[in-house]
């Protein structure tokens, strides 16, 4: 049995709308900021995987202050196998 899908109109009515009429939702129960650090072993495994299956990593955008999840964006130049 699949999970039930809530109808689109089951979202709470927004308290505010943009000038274009789009809803603005406010979330009051946000968790406090929790600094996420990268795990050196996992970072190395991900980099090795990218280089083995896609190509050499030419650069990385490192997220400096991560809330709960650490994200890095690896840059790989186009190649004959992956010309994009």
C-alpha atoms as a PDB file:
ATOM      1  CA  UNK A   1       0.000   0.000   0.000  1.00  0.00           C
ATOM      2  CA  UNK A   2       1.380   3.409  -0.895  1.00  0.00           C
ATOM      3  CA  UNK A   3       1.469   6.446   1.345  1.00  0.00           C
ATOM      4  CA  UNK A   4      -1.562   8.681   0.999  1.00  0.00           C
ATOM      5  CA  UNK A   5      -1.013  11.851  -0.987  1.00  0.00           C
ATOM      6  CA  UNK A   6      -2.448  14.954   0.588  1.00  0.00           C
ATOM      7  CA  UNK A   7      -4.557  17.096  -1.713  1.00  0.00           C
ATOM      8  CA  UNK A   8      -2.950  20.344  -2.845  1.00  0.00           C
ATOM      9  CA  UNK A   9      -5.524  22.398  -0.961  1.00  0.00           C
ATOM     10  CA  UNK A  10      -4.601  20.788   2.390  1.00  0.00           C
ATOM     11  CA  UNK A  11      -1.713  23.245   2.957  1.00  0.00           C
ATOM     12  CA  UNK A  12      -2.385  25.835   5.647  1.00  0.00           C
ATOM     13  CA  UNK A  13      -3.684  29.171   4.445  1.00  0.00           C
ATOM     14  CA  UNK A  14      -0.734  31.594   4.319  1.00  0.00           C
ATOM     15  CA  UNK A  15      -0.865  34.643   6.569  1.00  0.00           C
ATOM     16  CA  UNK A  16       0.748  36.777   3.875  1.00  0.00           C
ATOM     17  CA  UNK A  17       1.018  36.933   0.114  1.00  0.00           C
ATOM     18  CA  UNK A  18       3.527  38.572  -2.229  1.00  0.00           C
ATOM     19  CA  UNK A  19       2.399  41.478  -4.422  1.00  0.00           C
ATOM     20  CA  UNK A  20       1.944  38.878  -7.205  1.00  0.00           C
ATOM     21  CA  UNK A  21      -0.357  36.829  -4.962  1.00  0.00           C
ATOM     22  CA  UNK A  22       2.037  33.978  -4.162  1.00  0.00           C
ATOM     23  CA  UNK A  23       1.826  32.551  -0.630  1.00  0.00           C
ATOM     24  CA  UNK A  24       4.416  33.383   2.016  1.00  0.00           C
ATOM     25  CA  UNK A  25       4.741  30.700   4.689  1.00  0.00           C
ATOM     26  CA  UNK A  26       6.427  31.249   8.057  1.00  0.00           C
ATOM     27  CA  UNK A  27       7.826  28.336  10.031  1.00  0.00           C
ATOM     28  CA  UNK A  28       7.993  29.058  13.733  1.00  0.00           C
ATOM     29  CA  UNK A  29       9.383  25.753  15.002  1.00  0.00           C
ATOM     30  CA  UNK A  30      12.736  25.870  13.213  1.00  0.00           C
ATOM     31  CA  UNK A  31      15.483  23.884  14.890  1.00  0.00           C
ATOM     32  CA  UNK A  32      18.394  25.890  16.287  1.00  0.00           C
ATOM     33  CA  UNK A  33      21.463  26.178  14.059  1.00  0.00           C
ATOM     34  CA  UNK A  34      23.622  23.056  14.326  1.00  0.00           C
ATOM     35  CA  UNK A  35      27.036  23.355  12.682  1.00  0.00           C
ATOM     36  CA  UNK A  36      27.725  20.406  10.391  1.00  0.00           C
ATOM     37  CA  UNK A  37      31.271  19.336   9.761  1.00  0.00           C
ATOM     38  CA  UNK A  38      32.521  17.197   6.929  1.00  0.00           C
ATOM     39  CA  UNK A  39      33.725  13.688   7.629  1.00  0.00           C
ATOM     40  CA  UNK A  40      37.238  13.463   6.118  1.00  0.00           C
ATOM     41  CA  UNK A  41      36.845   9.774   5.226  1.00  0.00           C
ATOM     42  CA  UNK A  42      33.534  10.333   3.420  1.00  0.00           C
ATOM     43  CA  UNK A  43      34.810  13.446   1.635  1.00  0.00           C
ATOM     44  CA  UNK A  44      37.823  11.495   0.347  1.00  0.00           C
ATOM     45  CA  UNK A  45      35.591   8.585  -0.759  1.00  0.00           C
ATOM     46  CA  UNK A  46      33.257  10.931  -2.645  1.00  0.00           C
ATOM     47  CA  UNK A  47      36.165  12.714  -4.343  1.00  0.00           C
ATOM     48  CA  UNK A  48      37.742   9.372  -5.320  1.00  0.00           C
ATOM     49  CA  UNK A  49      34.414   8.180  -6.738  1.00  0.00           C
ATOM     50  CA  UNK A  50      33.979  11.352  -8.827  1.00  0.00           C
ATOM     51  CA  UNK A  51      37.516  11.133 -10.210  1.00  0.00           C
ATOM     52  CA  UNK A  52      37.197   7.421 -10.972  1.00  0.00           C
ATOM     53  CA  UNK A  53      33.801   7.629 -12.721  1.00  0.00           C
ATOM     54  CA  UNK A  54      33.566  11.191 -14.106  1.00  0.00           C
ATOM     55  CA  UNK A  55      37.018  12.781 -14.331  1.00  0.00           C
ATOM     56  CA  UNK A  56      39.585  14.883 -12.499  1.00  0.00           C
ATOM     57  CA  UNK A  57      38.199  17.404 -10.035  1.00  0.00           C
ATOM     58  CA  UNK A  58      39.341  20.882 -11.068  1.00  0.00           C
ATOM     59  CA  UNK A  59      37.887  22.716  -8.082  1.00  0.00           C
ATOM     60  CA  UNK A  60      35.507  22.522  -5.142  1.00  0.00           C
ATOM     61  CA  UNK A  61      33.102  25.102  -3.744  1.00  0.00           C
ATOM     62  CA  UNK A  62      33.186  24.476  -0.006  1.00  0.00           C
ATOM     63  CA  UNK A  63      30.224  25.459   2.129  1.00  0.00           C
ATOM     64  CA  UNK A  64      31.817  27.269   5.053  1.00  0.00           C
ATOM     65  CA  UNK A  65      28.940  27.358   7.518  1.00  0.00           C
ATOM     66  CA  UNK A  66      26.611  24.406   7.109  1.00  0.00           C
ATOM     67  CA  UNK A  67      23.426  23.896   9.094  1.00  0.00           C
ATOM     68  CA  UNK A  68      23.045  20.170   9.825  1.00  0.00           C
ATOM     69  CA  UNK A  69      24.341  18.963   6.415  1.00  0.00           C
ATOM     70  CA  UNK A  70      27.765  19.745   4.916  1.00  0.00           C
ATOM     71  CA  UNK A  71      27.618  20.385   1.164  1.00  0.00           C
ATOM     72  CA  UNK A  72      30.527  20.738  -1.264  1.00  0.00           C
ATOM     73  CA  UNK A  73      30.130  21.252  -5.025  1.00  0.00           C
ATOM     74  CA  UNK A  74      32.845  19.481  -7.037  1.00  0.00           C
ATOM     75  CA  UNK A  75      33.795  20.974 -10.421  1.00  0.00           C
ATOM     76  CA  UNK A  76      34.808  18.562 -13.190  1.00  0.00           C
ATOM     77  CA  UNK A  77      35.812  19.954 -16.589  1.00  0.00           C
ATOM     78  CA  UNK A  78      34.110  18.557 -19.719  1.00  0.00           C
ATOM     79  CA  UNK A  79      35.851  15.651 -21.443  1.00  0.00           C
ATOM     80  CA  UNK A  80      35.325  13.518 -24.556  1.00  0.00           C
ATOM     81  CA  UNK A  81      33.326  11.029 -22.464  1.00  0.00           C
ATOM     82  CA  UNK A  82      31.357  13.749 -20.651  1.00  0.00           C
ATOM     83  CA  UNK A  83      31.200  16.806 -22.962  1.00  0.00           C
ATOM     84  CA  UNK A  84      28.925  18.788 -20.671  1.00  0.00           C
END
